[in-house]
PDB file of N, CA and C in Angstrom:
ATOM      1  N   MET A   1       5.571  -3.797   9.874  1.00  0.00           N
ATOM      2  CA  MET A   1       4.923  -3.250   9.992  1.00  0.00           C
ATOM      3  C   MET A   1       2.981  -4.255   9.297  1.00  0.00           C
ATOM      4  N   SER A   2       2.258  -4.034   9.934  1.00  0.00           N
ATOM      5  CA  SER A   2       1.116  -4.212   8.925  1.00  0.00           C
ATOM      6  C   SER A   2      -0.295  -3.394   9.435  1.00  0.00           C
ATOM      7  N   THR A   3      -0.654  -3.437   7.867  1.00  0.00           N
ATOM      8  CA  THR A   3      -1.668  -1.889   7.795  1.00  0.00           C
ATOM      9  C   THR A   3      -2.940  -2.664   7.937  1.00  0.00           C
ATOM     10  N   GLY A   4      -3.679  -2.213   8.937  1.00  0.00           N
ATOM     11  CA  GLY A   4      -5.294  -2.777   9.268  1.00  0.00           C
ATOM     12  C   GLY A   4      -6.565  -1.771   8.532  1.00  0.00           C
ATOM     13  N   CYS A   5      -7.421  -1.967   8.551  1.00  0.00           N
ATOM     14  CA  CYS A   5      -8.425  -0.821   8.006  1.00  0.00           C
ATOM     15  C   CYS A   5      -9.426  -0.844   9.500  1.00  0.00           C
ATOM     16  N   ASP A   6      -9.482   0.832   9.326  1.00  0.00           N
ATOM     17  CA  ASP A   6     -10.578   1.144  10.362  1.00  0.00           C
ATOM     18  C   ASP A   6     -12.334   1.128   9.683  1.00  0.00           C
ATOM     19  N   ASN A   7     -12.276   0.922   8.505  1.00  0.00           N
ATOM     20  CA  ASN A   7     -12.917   0.507   7.793  1.00  0.00           C
ATOM     21  C   ASN A   7     -13.077   0.104   6.276  1.00  0.00           C
ATOM     22  N   LEU A   8     -13.861  -0.501   5.598  1.00  0.00           N
ATOM     23  CA  LEU A   8     -13.379  -0.958   4.272  1.00  0.00           C
ATOM     24  C   LEU A   8     -12.747  -0.198   3.594  1.00  0.00           C
ATOM     25  N   THR A   9     -12.844   1.063   3.218  1.00  0.00           N
ATOM     26  CA  THR A   9     -11.742   1.672   2.393  1.00  0.00           C
ATOM     27  C   THR A   9     -10.836   3.091   2.444  1.00  0.00           C
ATOM     28  N   GLU A  10     -10.845   2.611   4.329  1.00  0.00           N
ATOM     29  CA  GLU A  10      -9.773   3.873   4.245  1.00  0.00           C
ATOM     30  C   GLU A  10      -8.984   3.207   5.437  1.00  0.00           C
ATOM     31  N   LEU A  11      -7.832   3.440   4.843  1.00  0.00           N
ATOM     32  CA  LEU A  11      -6.338   2.478   5.660  1.00  0.00           C
ATOM     33  C   LEU A  11      -5.862   3.242   6.939  1.00  0.00           C
ATOM     34  N   ASN A  12      -5.570   2.442   8.105  1.00  0.00           N
ATOM     35  CA  ASN A  12      -5.191   3.328   8.869  1.00  0.00           C
ATOM     36  C   ASN A  12      -3.577   4.131   8.705  1.00  0.00           C
ATOM     37  N   ASP A  13      -3.694   5.209   9.438  1.00  0.00           N
ATOM     38  CA  ASP A  13      -2.477   6.079   9.353  1.00  0.00           C
ATOM     39  C   ASP A  13      -1.318   5.109   9.947  1.00  0.00           C
ATOM     40  N   VAL A  14       0.031   5.128   9.196  1.00  0.00           N
ATOM     41  CA  VAL A  14       1.002   4.847   9.041  1.00  0.00           C
ATOM     42  C   VAL A  14       1.955   5.910   9.391  1.00  0.00           C
ATOM     43  N   SER A  15       3.152   5.277  10.334  1.00  0.00           N
ATOM     44  CA  SER A  15       4.155   6.465   9.927  1.00  0.00           C
ATOM     45  C   SER A  15       5.620   5.642  10.477  1.00  0.00           C
ATOM     46  N   PHE A  16       7.046   6.019  10.001  1.00  0.00           N
ATOM     47  CA  PHE A  16       7.978   5.401   9.848  1.00  0.00           C
ATOM     48  C   PHE A  16       9.461   6.089   9.553  1.00  0.00           C
ATOM     49  N   ILE A  17       9.982   5.733   9.935  1.00  0.00           N
ATOM     50  CA  ILE A  17      11.451   6.319   9.707  1.00  0.00           C
ATOM     51  C   ILE A  17      12.414   5.926   8.455  1.00  0.00           C
ATOM     52  N   ALA A  18      12.448   6.768   7.730  1.00  0.00           N
ATOM     53  CA  ALA A  18      13.227   6.324   6.257  1.00  0.00           C
ATOM     54  C   ALA A  18      14.451   5.886   6.334  1.00  0.00           C
ATOM     55  N   GLY A  19      14.812   4.846   5.430  1.00  0.00           N
ATOM     56  CA  GLY A  19      15.462   4.028   5.574  1.00  0.00           C
ATOM     57  C   GLY A  19      15.475   2.776   5.882  1.00  0.00           C
ATOM     58  N   GLY A  20      14.382   2.264   6.355  1.00  0.00           N
ATOM     59  CA  GLY A  20      14.311   0.804   7.001  1.00  0.00           C
ATOM     60  C   GLY A  20      13.704  -0.039   5.962  1.00  0.00           C
ATOM     61  N   VAL A  21      13.187  -1.228   6.310  1.00  0.00           N
ATOM     62  CA  VAL A  21      12.717  -2.111   5.467  1.00  0.00           C
ATOM     63  C   VAL A  21      11.254  -2.248   5.692  1.00  0.00           C
ATOM     64  N   GLN A  22      10.201  -1.395   4.994  1.00  0.00           N
ATOM     65  CA  GLN A  22       8.641  -1.583   5.443  1.00  0.00           C
ATOM     66  C   GLN A  22       7.967  -2.898   4.925  1.00  0.00           C
ATOM     67  N   TYR A  23       7.232  -3.406   5.940  1.00  0.00           N
ATOM     68  CA  TYR A  23       5.873  -4.198   5.348  1.00  0.00           C
ATOM     69  C   TYR A  23       4.907  -3.686   5.358  1.00  0.00           C
ATOM     70  N   PHE A  24       3.815  -4.279   4.480  1.00  0.00           N
ATOM     71  CA  PHE A  24       2.672  -3.510   4.132  1.00  0.00           C
ATOM     72  C   PHE A  24       1.859  -4.933   4.330  1.00  0.00           C
ATOM     73  N   GLU A  25       0.625  -5.207   4.830  1.00  0.00           N
ATOM     74  CA  GLU A  25       0.149  -6.626   4.285  1.00  0.00           C
ATOM     75  C   GLU A  25      -1.741  -5.508   4.187  1.00  0.00           C
ATOM     76  N   TYR A  26      -2.246  -6.210   3.737  1.00  0.00           N
ATOM     77  CA  TYR A  26      -3.585  -5.945   3.262  1.00  0.00           C
ATOM     78  C   TYR A  26      -4.688  -7.226   2.962  1.00  0.00           C
ATOM     79  N   THR A  27      -5.906  -7.176   3.953  1.00  0.00           N
ATOM     80  CA  THR A  27      -6.615  -7.922   3.728  1.00  0.00           C
ATOM     81  C   THR A  27      -7.876  -7.429   2.792  1.00  0.00           C
ATOM     82  N   ILE A  28      -8.540  -7.936   1.889  1.00  0.00           N
ATOM     83  CA  ILE A  28      -9.022  -7.315   0.887  1.00  0.00           C
ATOM     84  C   ILE A  28     -10.479  -7.593   1.400  1.00  0.00           C
ATOM     85  N   TYR A  29     -11.669  -6.956   1.489  1.00  0.00           N
ATOM     86  CA  TYR A  29     -13.241  -7.137   1.644  1.00  0.00           C
ATOM     87  C   TYR A  29     -14.026  -6.251   1.005  1.00  0.00           C
ATOM     88  N   ASN A  30     -15.209  -7.014   0.785  1.00  0.00           N
ATOM     89  CA  ASN A  30     -15.823  -6.767  -0.305  1.00  0.00           C
ATOM     90  C   ASN A  30     -17.106  -5.351   0.453  1.00  0.00           C
ATOM     91  N   SER A  31     -16.650  -4.385  -0.084  1.00  0.00           N
ATOM     92  CA  SER A  31     -17.297  -3.177   1.019  1.00  0.00           C
ATOM     93  C   SER A  31     -18.791  -3.029   0.562  1.00  0.00           C
ATOM     94  N   GLU A  32     -19.729  -4.059   0.087  1.00  0.00           N
ATOM     95  CA  GLU A  32     -20.942  -3.908   0.250  1.00  0.00           C
ATOM     96  C   GLU A  32     -21.474  -5.001   1.470  1.00  0.00           C
ATOM     97  N   THR A  33     -20.744  -5.702   1.260  1.00  0.00           N
ATOM     98  CA  THR A  33     -21.136  -6.910   2.300  1.00  0.00           C
ATOM     99  C   THR A  33     -20.301  -7.231   3.550  1.00  0.00           C
ATOM    100  N   GLY A  34     -18.876  -6.537   3.368  1.00  0.00           N
ATOM    101  CA  GLY A  34     -18.157  -6.734   4.655  1.00  0.00           C
ATOM    102  C   GLY A  34     -17.452  -8.224   4.624  1.00  0.00           C
ATOM    103  N   GLY A  35     -17.678  -9.202   3.441  1.00  0.00           N
ATOM    104  CA  GLY A  35     -17.055 -10.350   3.425  1.00  0.00           C
ATOM    105  C   GLY A  35     -15.882  -9.934   2.356  1.00  0.00           C
ATOM    106  N   LEU A  36     -15.289 -11.250   2.809  1.00  0.00           N
ATOM    107  CA  LEU A  36     -13.745 -11.105   2.446  1.00  0.00           C
ATOM    108  C   LEU A  36     -13.549 -11.721   0.933  1.00  0.00           C
ATOM    109  N   VAL A  37     -13.072 -11.126   0.226  1.00  0.00           N
ATOM    110  CA  VAL A  37     -12.958 -11.334  -1.519  1.00  0.00           C
ATOM    111  C   VAL A  37     -11.731 -12.216  -1.754  1.00  0.00           C
ATOM    112  N   ASP A  38     -11.603 -13.284  -2.517  1.00  0.00           N
ATOM    113  CA  ASP A  38     -11.069 -14.099  -3.149  1.00  0.00           C
ATOM    114  C   ASP A  38     -10.041 -13.058  -4.178  1.00  0.00           C
ATOM    115  N   ILE A  39      -8.604 -13.299  -3.924  1.00  0.00           N
ATOM    116  CA  ILE A  39      -7.490 -12.230  -4.307  1.00  0.00           C
ATOM    117  C   ILE A  39      -6.810 -13.429  -5.138  1.00  0.00           C
ATOM    118  N   SER A  40      -6.999 -14.758  -5.664  1.00  0.00           N
ATOM    119  CA  SER A  40      -6.111 -15.792  -5.879  1.00  0.00           C
ATOM    120  C   SER A  40      -5.798 -15.329  -7.663  1.00  0.00           C
ATOM    121  N   ASP A  41      -6.734 -15.198  -8.427  1.00  0.00           N
ATOM    122  CA  ASP A  41      -6.278 -14.687  -9.293  1.00  0.00           C
ATOM    123  C   ASP A  41      -6.344 -13.607 -10.088  1.00  0.00           C
ATOM    124  N   LEU A  42      -5.846 -12.388  -9.175  1.00  0.00           N
ATOM    125  CA  LEU A  42      -5.305 -11.072  -9.385  1.00  0.00           C
ATOM    126  C   LEU A  42      -3.964 -10.992  -9.150  1.00  0.00           C
ATOM    127  N   THR A  43      -3.939  -9.909 -10.270  1.00  0.00           N
ATOM    128  CA  THR A  43      -2.051  -9.394  -9.587  1.00  0.00           C
ATOM    129  C   THR A  43      -2.040  -8.352  -8.954  1.00  0.00           C
ATOM    130  N   LEU A  44      -1.473  -7.829  -7.712  1.00  0.00           N
ATOM    131  CA  LEU A  44      -1.468  -7.174  -6.790  1.00  0.00           C
ATOM    132  C   LEU A  44      -0.568  -6.073  -6.383  1.00  0.00           C
ATOM    133  N   LYS A  45      -0.551  -4.942  -6.448  1.00  0.00           N
ATOM    134  CA  LYS A  45       0.333  -3.500  -6.555  1.00  0.00           C
ATOM    135  C   LYS A  45       0.232  -2.823  -5.313  1.00  0.00           C
ATOM    136  N   PHE A  46       0.781  -2.207  -5.185  1.00  0.00           N
ATOM    137  CA  PHE A  46       1.552  -0.998  -3.980  1.00  0.00           C
ATOM    138  C   PHE A  46       1.502  -0.251  -4.535  1.00  0.00           C
ATOM    139  N   THR A  47       1.152   1.128  -4.161  1.00  0.00           N
ATOM    140  CA  THR A  47       1.861   2.433  -4.716  1.00  0.00           C
ATOM    141  C   THR A  47       1.682   3.006  -3.402  1.00  0.00           C
ATOM    142  N   LEU A  48       2.919   4.298  -3.445  1.00  0.00           N
ATOM    143  CA  LEU A  48       3.190   5.240  -2.695  1.00  0.00           C
ATOM    144  C   LEU A  48       3.231   6.574  -3.411  1.00  0.00           C
ATOM    145  N   ASN A  49       1.985   7.556  -3.288  1.00  0.00           N
ATOM    146  CA  ASN A  49       2.264   8.611  -3.862  1.00  0.00           C
ATOM    147  C   ASN A  49       2.433   9.658  -2.958  1.00  0.00           C
ATOM    148  N   SER A  50       3.392  11.011  -3.163  1.00  0.00           N
ATOM    149  CA  SER A  50       3.461  12.361  -2.892  1.00  0.00           C
ATOM    150  C   SER A  50       1.897  12.672  -2.495  1.00  0.00           C
ATOM    151  N   ALA A  51       1.497  12.946  -1.439  1.00  0.00           N
ATOM    152  CA  ALA A  51      -0.117  13.808  -1.096  1.00  0.00           C
ATOM    153  C   ALA A  51       0.114  14.910  -1.894  1.00  0.00           C
ATOM    154  N   TYR A  52       1.379  15.546  -1.806  1.00  0.00           N
ATOM    155  CA  TYR A  52       1.614  16.963  -2.136  1.00  0.00           C
ATOM    156  C   TYR A  52       1.804  17.546  -3.614  1.00  0.00           C
ATOM    157  N   GLY A  53       2.143  16.481  -4.111  1.00  0.00           N
ATOM    158  CA  GLY A  53       2.696  17.009  -5.341  1.00  0.00           C
ATOM    159  C   GLY A  53       3.992  17.003  -5.568  1.00  0.00           C
ATOM    160  N   GLN A  54       4.679  16.583  -4.929  1.00  0.00           N
ATOM    161  CA  GLN A  54       6.498  16.885  -4.842  1.00  0.00           C
ATOM    162  C   GLN A  54       6.894  16.618  -6.197  1.00  0.00           C
ATOM    163  N   VAL A  55       7.780  17.578  -6.813  1.00  0.00           N
ATOM    164  CA  VAL A  55       8.097  17.586  -8.582  1.00  0.00           C
ATOM    165  C   VAL A  55       8.658  16.921  -9.060  1.00  0.00           C
ATOM    166  N   ASN A  56       9.776  16.369  -8.104  1.00  0.00           N
ATOM    167  CA  ASN A  56      10.729  15.058  -8.541  1.00  0.00           C
ATOM    168  C   ASN A  56      10.603  13.959  -7.689  1.00  0.00           C
ATOM    169  N   PHE A  57       9.482  13.437  -7.411  1.00  0.00           N
ATOM    170  CA  PHE A  57       9.117  12.257  -6.661  1.00  0.00           C
ATOM    171  C   PHE A  57       8.295  11.456  -7.677  1.00  0.00           C
ATOM    172  N   GLU A  58       8.734  10.379  -7.818  1.00  0.00           N
ATOM    173  CA  GLU A  58       8.816   9.393  -8.771  1.00  0.00           C
ATOM    174  C   GLU A  58       7.735   8.388  -7.763  1.00  0.00           C
ATOM    175  N   PRO A  59       6.658   8.250  -8.157  1.00  0.00           N
ATOM    176  CA  PRO A  59       5.882   7.232  -6.947  1.00  0.00           C
ATOM    177  C   PRO A  59       6.457   5.971  -7.060  1.00  0.00           C
ATOM    178  N   ILE A  60       5.800   5.199  -6.123  1.00  0.00           N
ATOM    179  CA  ILE A  60       6.513   3.860  -5.640  1.00  0.00           C
ATOM    180  C   ILE A  60       5.985   2.923  -6.090  1.00  0.00           C
ATOM    181  N   GLU A  61       5.561   1.615  -6.922  1.00  0.00           N
ATOM    182  CA  GLU A  61       4.761   0.792  -7.164  1.00  0.00           C
ATOM    183  C   GLU A  61       5.822  -0.159  -7.075  1.00  0.00           C
ATOM    184  N   ILE A  62       5.122  -1.104  -6.119  1.00  0.00           N
ATOM    185  CA  ILE A  62       5.659  -2.534  -6.047  1.00  0.00           C
ATOM    186  C   ILE A  62       4.769  -3.674  -6.179  1.00  0.00           C
ATOM    187  N   TYR A  63       4.757  -5.049  -6.601  1.00  0.00           N
ATOM    188  CA  TYR A  63       4.215  -5.637  -6.948  1.00  0.00           C
ATOM    189  C   TYR A  63       4.029  -6.733  -5.554  1.00  0.00           C
ATOM    190  N   GLY A  64       2.640  -6.954  -5.238  1.00  0.00           N
ATOM    191  CA  GLY A  64       2.700  -7.763  -3.900  1.00  0.00           C
ATOM    192  C   GLY A  64       2.910  -9.407  -4.199  1.00  0.00           C
ATOM    193  N   THR A  65       2.835 -10.389  -2.801  1.00  0.00           N
ATOM    194  CA  THR A  65       2.761 -11.805  -2.699  1.00  0.00           C
ATOM    195  C   THR A  65       1.841 -12.135  -2.061  1.00  0.00           C
ATOM    196  N   LYS A  66       1.188 -12.941  -2.594  1.00  0.00           N
ATOM    197  CA  LYS A  66      -0.291 -13.518  -2.102  1.00  0.00           C
ATOM    198  C   LYS A  66       0.238 -14.230  -0.584  1.00  0.00           C
ATOM    199  N   LYS A  67      -0.450 -13.687   0.583  1.00  0.00           N
ATOM    200  CA  LYS A  67      -0.270 -14.716   2.081  1.00  0.00           C
ATOM    201  C   LYS A  67      -1.016 -15.857   1.503  1.00  0.00           C
ATOM    202  N   ASN A  68      -2.437 -15.698   1.644  1.00  0.00           N
ATOM    203  CA  ASN A  68      -3.285 -16.713   1.036  1.00  0.00           C
ATOM    204  C   ASN A  68      -4.698 -15.934   0.445  1.00  0.00           C
ATOM    205  N   SER A  69      -5.575 -16.264   0.275  1.00  0.00           N
ATOM    206  CA  SER A  69      -6.509 -16.165  -0.488  1.00  0.00           C
ATOM    207  C   SER A  69      -6.991 -14.885  -0.551  1.00  0.00           C
ATOM    208  N   TYR A  70      -7.276 -14.469   0.673  1.00  0.00           N
ATOM    209  CA  TYR A  70      -7.433 -12.451   1.013  1.00  0.00           C
ATOM    210  C   TYR A  70      -6.909 -11.920   1.226  1.00  0.00           C
ATOM    211  N   THR A  71      -5.560 -12.044   1.469  1.00  0.00           N
ATOM    212  CA  THR A  71      -4.347 -10.681   2.096  1.00  0.00           C
ATOM    213  C   THR A  71      -3.019 -11.153   1.200  1.00  0.00           C
ATOM    214  N   PHE A  72      -2.889  -9.804   0.677  1.00  0.00           N
ATOM    215  CA  PHE A  72      -1.234  -9.763   0.008  1.00  0.00           C
ATOM    216  C   PHE A  72      -0.339  -9.072   0.938  1.00  0.00           C
ATOM    217  N   ARG A  73       1.097  -9.180   0.718  1.00  0.00           N
ATOM    218  CA  ARG A  73       2.191  -8.341   1.525  1.00  0.00           C
ATOM    219  C   ARG A  73       2.762  -8.120   0.503  1.00  0.00           C
ATOM    220  N   VAL A  74       3.569  -6.415   1.160  1.00  0.00           N
ATOM    221  CA  VAL A  74       4.542  -5.907  -0.002  1.00  0.00           C
ATOM    222  C   VAL A  74       5.470  -5.525   1.024  1.00  0.00           C
ATOM    223  N   GLU A  75       6.512  -5.770   0.197  1.00  0.00           N
ATOM    224  CA  GLU A  75       8.036  -5.174   1.096  1.00  0.00           C
ATOM    225  C   GLU A  75       8.425  -4.261   0.512  1.00  0.00           C
ATOM    226  N   ILE A  76       8.895  -3.466   1.265  1.00  0.00           N
ATOM    227  CA  ILE A  76       9.828  -2.020   0.912  1.00  0.00           C
ATOM    228  C   ILE A  76      10.865  -2.269   0.606  1.00  0.00           C
ATOM    229  N   PRO A  77      11.709  -1.941  -0.155  1.00  0.00           N
ATOM    230  CA  PRO A  77      13.242  -2.446   0.404  1.00  0.00           C
ATOM    231  C   PRO A  77      13.803  -0.698   1.032  1.00  0.00           C
ATOM    232  N   SER A  78      14.462  -0.964   1.753  1.00  0.00           N
ATOM    233  CA  SER A  78      15.203   0.533   2.816  1.00  0.00           C
ATOM    234  C   SER A  78      15.485   1.596   1.560  1.00  0.00           C
ATOM    235  N   SER A  79      16.172   1.021   0.307  1.00  0.00           N
ATOM    236  CA  SER A  79      16.825   1.881  -0.723  1.00  0.00           C
ATOM    237  C   SER A  79      15.551   2.824  -0.657  1.00  0.00           C
ATOM    238  N   TYR A  80      14.135   2.489  -1.195  1.00  0.00           N
ATOM    239  CA  TYR A  80      13.021   3.025  -1.646  1.00  0.00           C
ATOM    240  C   TYR A  80      12.726   4.541  -1.101  1.00  0.00           C
ATOM    241  N   THR A  81      13.202   4.124   0.303  1.00  0.00           N
ATOM    242  CA  THR A  81      12.425   5.574   1.300  1.00  0.00           C
ATOM    243  C   THR A  81      13.749   6.002   2.112  1.00  0.00           C
ATOM    244  N   GLU A  82      14.823   5.832   1.644  1.00  0.00           N
ATOM    245  CA  GLU A  82      16.034   6.193   2.576  1.00  0.00           C
ATOM    246  C   GLU A  82      16.378   7.808   2.319  1.00  0.00           C
ATOM    247  N   ASP A  83      15.462   8.419   1.058  1.00  0.00           N
ATOM    248  CA  ASP A  83      16.144   9.803   1.049  1.00  0.00           C
ATOM    249  C   ASP A  83      14.709  10.521   1.091  1.00  0.00           C
ATOM    250  N   LEU A  84      13.547  10.003   1.403  1.00  0.00           N
ATOM    251  CA  LEU A  84      12.088  10.627   1.613  1.00  0.00           C
ATOM    252  C   LEU A  84      11.352  11.220   3.093  1.00  0.00           C
ATOM    253  N   LYS A  85      11.251  12.126   2.805  1.00  0.00           N
ATOM    254  CA  LYS A  85      10.951  12.679   4.199  1.00  0.00           C
ATOM    255  C   LYS A  85       9.081  13.355   3.795  1.00  0.00           C
ATOM    256  N   GLY A  86       8.230  13.411   4.736  1.00  0.00           N
ATOM    257  CA  GLY A  86       6.775  13.970   4.390  1.00  0.00           C
ATOM    258  C   GLY A  86       5.727  13.232   4.447  1.00  0.00           C
ATOM    259  N   PHE A  87       5.205  13.511   4.173  1.00  0.00           N
ATOM    260  CA  PHE A  87       3.251  13.175   3.721  1.00  0.00           C
ATOM    261  C   PHE A  87       3.304  12.480   2.851  1.00  0.00           C
ATOM    262  N   TYR A  88       2.887  10.882   2.459  1.00  0.00           N
ATOM    263  CA  TYR A  88       2.630  10.416   1.017  1.00  0.00           C
ATOM    264  C   TYR A  88       1.014   9.641   1.611  1.00  0.00           C
ATOM    265  N   LEU A  89       0.633   8.955   0.497  1.00  0.00           N
ATOM    266  CA  LEU A  89      -0.501   8.159   0.456  1.00  0.00           C
ATOM    267  C   LEU A  89      -0.036   6.924  -0.654  1.00  0.00           C
ATOM    268  N   GLN A  90      -0.398   5.659   0.663  1.00  0.00           N
ATOM    269  CA  GLN A  90      -0.518   4.372   0.396  1.00  0.00           C
ATOM    270  C   GLN A  90      -1.587   4.249  -0.724  1.00  0.00           C
ATOM    271  N   GLN A  91      -1.735   2.737  -1.538  1.00  0.00           N
ATOM    272  CA  GLN A  91      -2.798   2.593  -2.177  1.00  0.00           C
ATOM    273  C   GLN A  91      -2.538   1.136  -2.290  1.00  0.00           C
ATOM    274  N   PRO A  92      -3.326  -0.169  -2.507  1.00  0.00           N
ATOM    275  CA  PRO A  92      -3.534  -1.283  -2.532  1.00  0.00           C
ATOM    276  C   PRO A  92      -4.192  -1.359  -4.098  1.00  0.00           C
ATOM    277  N   VAL A  93      -4.022  -2.013  -4.942  1.00  0.00           N
ATOM    278  CA  VAL A  93      -4.268  -1.715  -6.077  1.00  0.00           C
ATOM    279  C   VAL A  93      -4.648  -3.413  -6.621  1.00  0.00           C
ATOM    280  N   LEU A  94      -5.396  -3.668  -7.149  1.00  0.00           N
ATOM    281  CA  LEU A  94      -6.321  -5.278  -7.156  1.00  0.00           C
ATOM    282  C   LEU A  94      -6.080  -4.781  -9.256  1.00  0.00           C
ATOM    283  N   ILE A  95      -5.528  -5.972 -10.031  1.00  0.00           N
ATOM    284  CA  ILE A  95      -5.288  -5.980 -11.028  1.00  0.00           C
ATOM    285  C   ILE A  95      -6.144  -6.891 -11.660  1.00  0.00           C
ATOM    286  N   ASP A  96      -7.144  -6.957 -12.742  1.00  0.00           N
ATOM    287  CA  ASP A  96      -7.413  -7.811 -13.040  1.00  0.00           C
ATOM    288  C   ASP A  96      -7.007  -8.441 -14.329  1.00  0.00           C
ATOM    289  N   TYR A  97      -7.975  -9.669 -14.434  1.00  0.00           N
ATOM    290  CA  TYR A  97      -7.222 -10.560 -16.046  1.00  0.00           C
ATOM    291  C   TYR A  97      -6.979  -9.728 -17.318  1.00  0.00           C
ATOM    292  N   LEU A  98      -7.988  -8.729 -17.099  1.00  0.00           N
ATOM    293  CA  LEU A  98      -7.834  -7.750 -18.790  1.00  0.00           C
ATOM    294  C   LEU A  98      -6.713  -6.395 -18.066  1.00  0.00           C
ATOM    295  N   GLY A  99      -6.275  -6.590 -16.793  1.00  0.00           N
ATOM    296  CA  GLY A  99      -5.520  -5.436 -16.871  1.00  0.00           C
ATOM    297  C   GLY A  99      -6.215  -4.048 -16.219  1.00  0.00           C
ATOM    298  N   ASP A 100      -7.437  -4.470 -15.863  1.00  0.00           N
ATOM    299  CA  ASP A 100      -8.269  -3.129 -15.342  1.00  0.00           C
ATOM    300  C   ASP A 100      -7.529  -3.144 -13.547  1.00  0.00           C
ATOM    301  N   GLU A 101      -7.319  -1.820 -13.325  1.00  0.00           N
ATOM    302  CA  GLU A 101      -6.903  -1.585 -11.591  1.00  0.00           C
ATOM    303  C   GLU A 101      -8.115  -1.079 -10.978  1.00  0.00           C
ATOM    304  N   PHE A 102      -8.188  -1.505  -9.650  1.00  0.00           N
ATOM    305  CA  PHE A 102      -9.381  -1.460  -8.841  1.00  0.00           C
ATOM    306  C   PHE A 102      -8.388  -0.930  -7.164  1.00  0.00           C
ATOM    307  N   LYS A 103      -8.828   0.004  -7.329  1.00  0.00           N
ATOM    308  CA  LYS A 103      -7.679   0.682  -5.973  1.00  0.00           C
ATOM    309  C   LYS A 103      -8.854   1.108  -5.323  1.00  0.00           C
ATOM    310  N   THR A 104      -8.876  -0.249  -4.190  1.00  0.00           N
ATOM    311  CA  THR A 104      -9.610  -0.392  -2.914  1.00  0.00           C
ATOM    312  C   THR A 104      -9.799   0.669  -1.555  1.00  0.00           C
ATOM    313  N   ALA A 105      -8.379   0.842  -1.754  1.00  0.00           N
ATOM    314  CA  ALA A 105      -8.486   2.019  -0.302  1.00  0.00           C
ATOM    315  C   ALA A 105      -7.422   2.883  -0.258  1.00  0.00           C
ATOM    316  N   GLN A 106      -7.422   4.015   0.632  1.00  0.00           N
ATOM    317  CA  GLN A 106      -5.879   4.421   0.837  1.00  0.00           C
ATOM    318  C   GLN A 106      -5.864   5.050   2.233  1.00  0.00           C
ATOM    319  N   GLY A 107      -4.511   5.458   2.048  1.00  0.00           N
ATOM    320  CA  GLY A 107      -4.293   5.857   3.753  1.00  0.00           C
ATOM    321  C   GLY A 107      -3.261   6.909   3.417  1.00  0.00           C
ATOM    322  N   SER A 108      -3.050   7.391   4.412  1.00  0.00           N
ATOM    323  CA  SER A 108      -1.378   8.239   4.532  1.00  0.00           C
ATOM    324  C   SER A 108      -0.488   7.688   5.290  1.00  0.00           C
ATOM    325  N   VAL A 109       0.552   8.199   4.723  1.00  0.00           N
ATOM    326  CA  VAL A 109       1.885   7.501   5.491  1.00  0.00           C
ATOM    327  C   VAL A 109       2.445   8.745   5.995  1.00  0.00           C
ATOM    328  N   VAL A 110       3.030   8.930   6.828  1.00  0.00           N
ATOM    329  CA  VAL A 110       4.144   9.873   7.331  1.00  0.00           C
ATOM    330  C   VAL A 110       5.495   9.286   7.574  1.00  0.00           C
ATOM    331  N   ILE A 111       6.745   9.843   6.832  1.00  0.00           N
ATOM    332  CA  ILE A 111       7.997   9.554   6.870  1.00  0.00           C
ATOM    333  C   ILE A 111       8.780  10.319   7.019  1.00  0.00           C
ATOM    334  N   MET A 112       9.525  10.135   8.470  1.00  0.00           N
ATOM    335  CA  MET A 112      10.462  11.158   8.904  1.00  0.00           C
ATOM    336  C   MET A 112      11.670  10.800   8.678  1.00  0.00           C
ATOM    337  N   GLN A 113      12.401  11.670   8.779  1.00  0.00           N
ATOM    338  CA  GLN A 113      14.165  11.443   7.971  1.00  0.00           C
ATOM    339  C   GLN A 113      15.062  11.387   9.419  1.00  0.00           C
ATOM    340  N   ALA A 114      15.776   9.924   8.910  1.00  0.00           N
ATOM    341  CA  ALA A 114      16.557   9.726   9.741  1.00  0.00           C
ATOM    342  C   ALA A 114      17.413  10.585  10.186  1.00  0.00           C
ATOM    343  N   ASN A 115      17.890  10.609  12.148  1.00  0.00           N
ATOM    344  CA  ASN A 115      18.919  11.269  12.156  1.00  0.00           C
ATOM    345  C   ASN A 115      20.518  10.826  12.002  1.00  0.00           C
TER     346      ASN A 115
END
């Protein structure tokens, strides 16, 4: 699965069945110019949070790998989603050398329970 952007700050909606390996890929753009952002010197992270504040949900955080100077990829193992169902928010996070986090976009993820 690859996650694209309709615009520079909103990610396309994603849905999948719980329990499978999922892949997310993010190309980072400058929101003012629309140009590509070089992410070579950044740490890259993905978060999946409950949109409705589920009490027992621990947010998922996974560090990404660089595909090239502008794109990073995240693999979510099946064990992370096998017990999930419902509406969640995905968010790529860029971390600079000072440890400051920049949340560039977000989008919805619907996870359906496997039968």
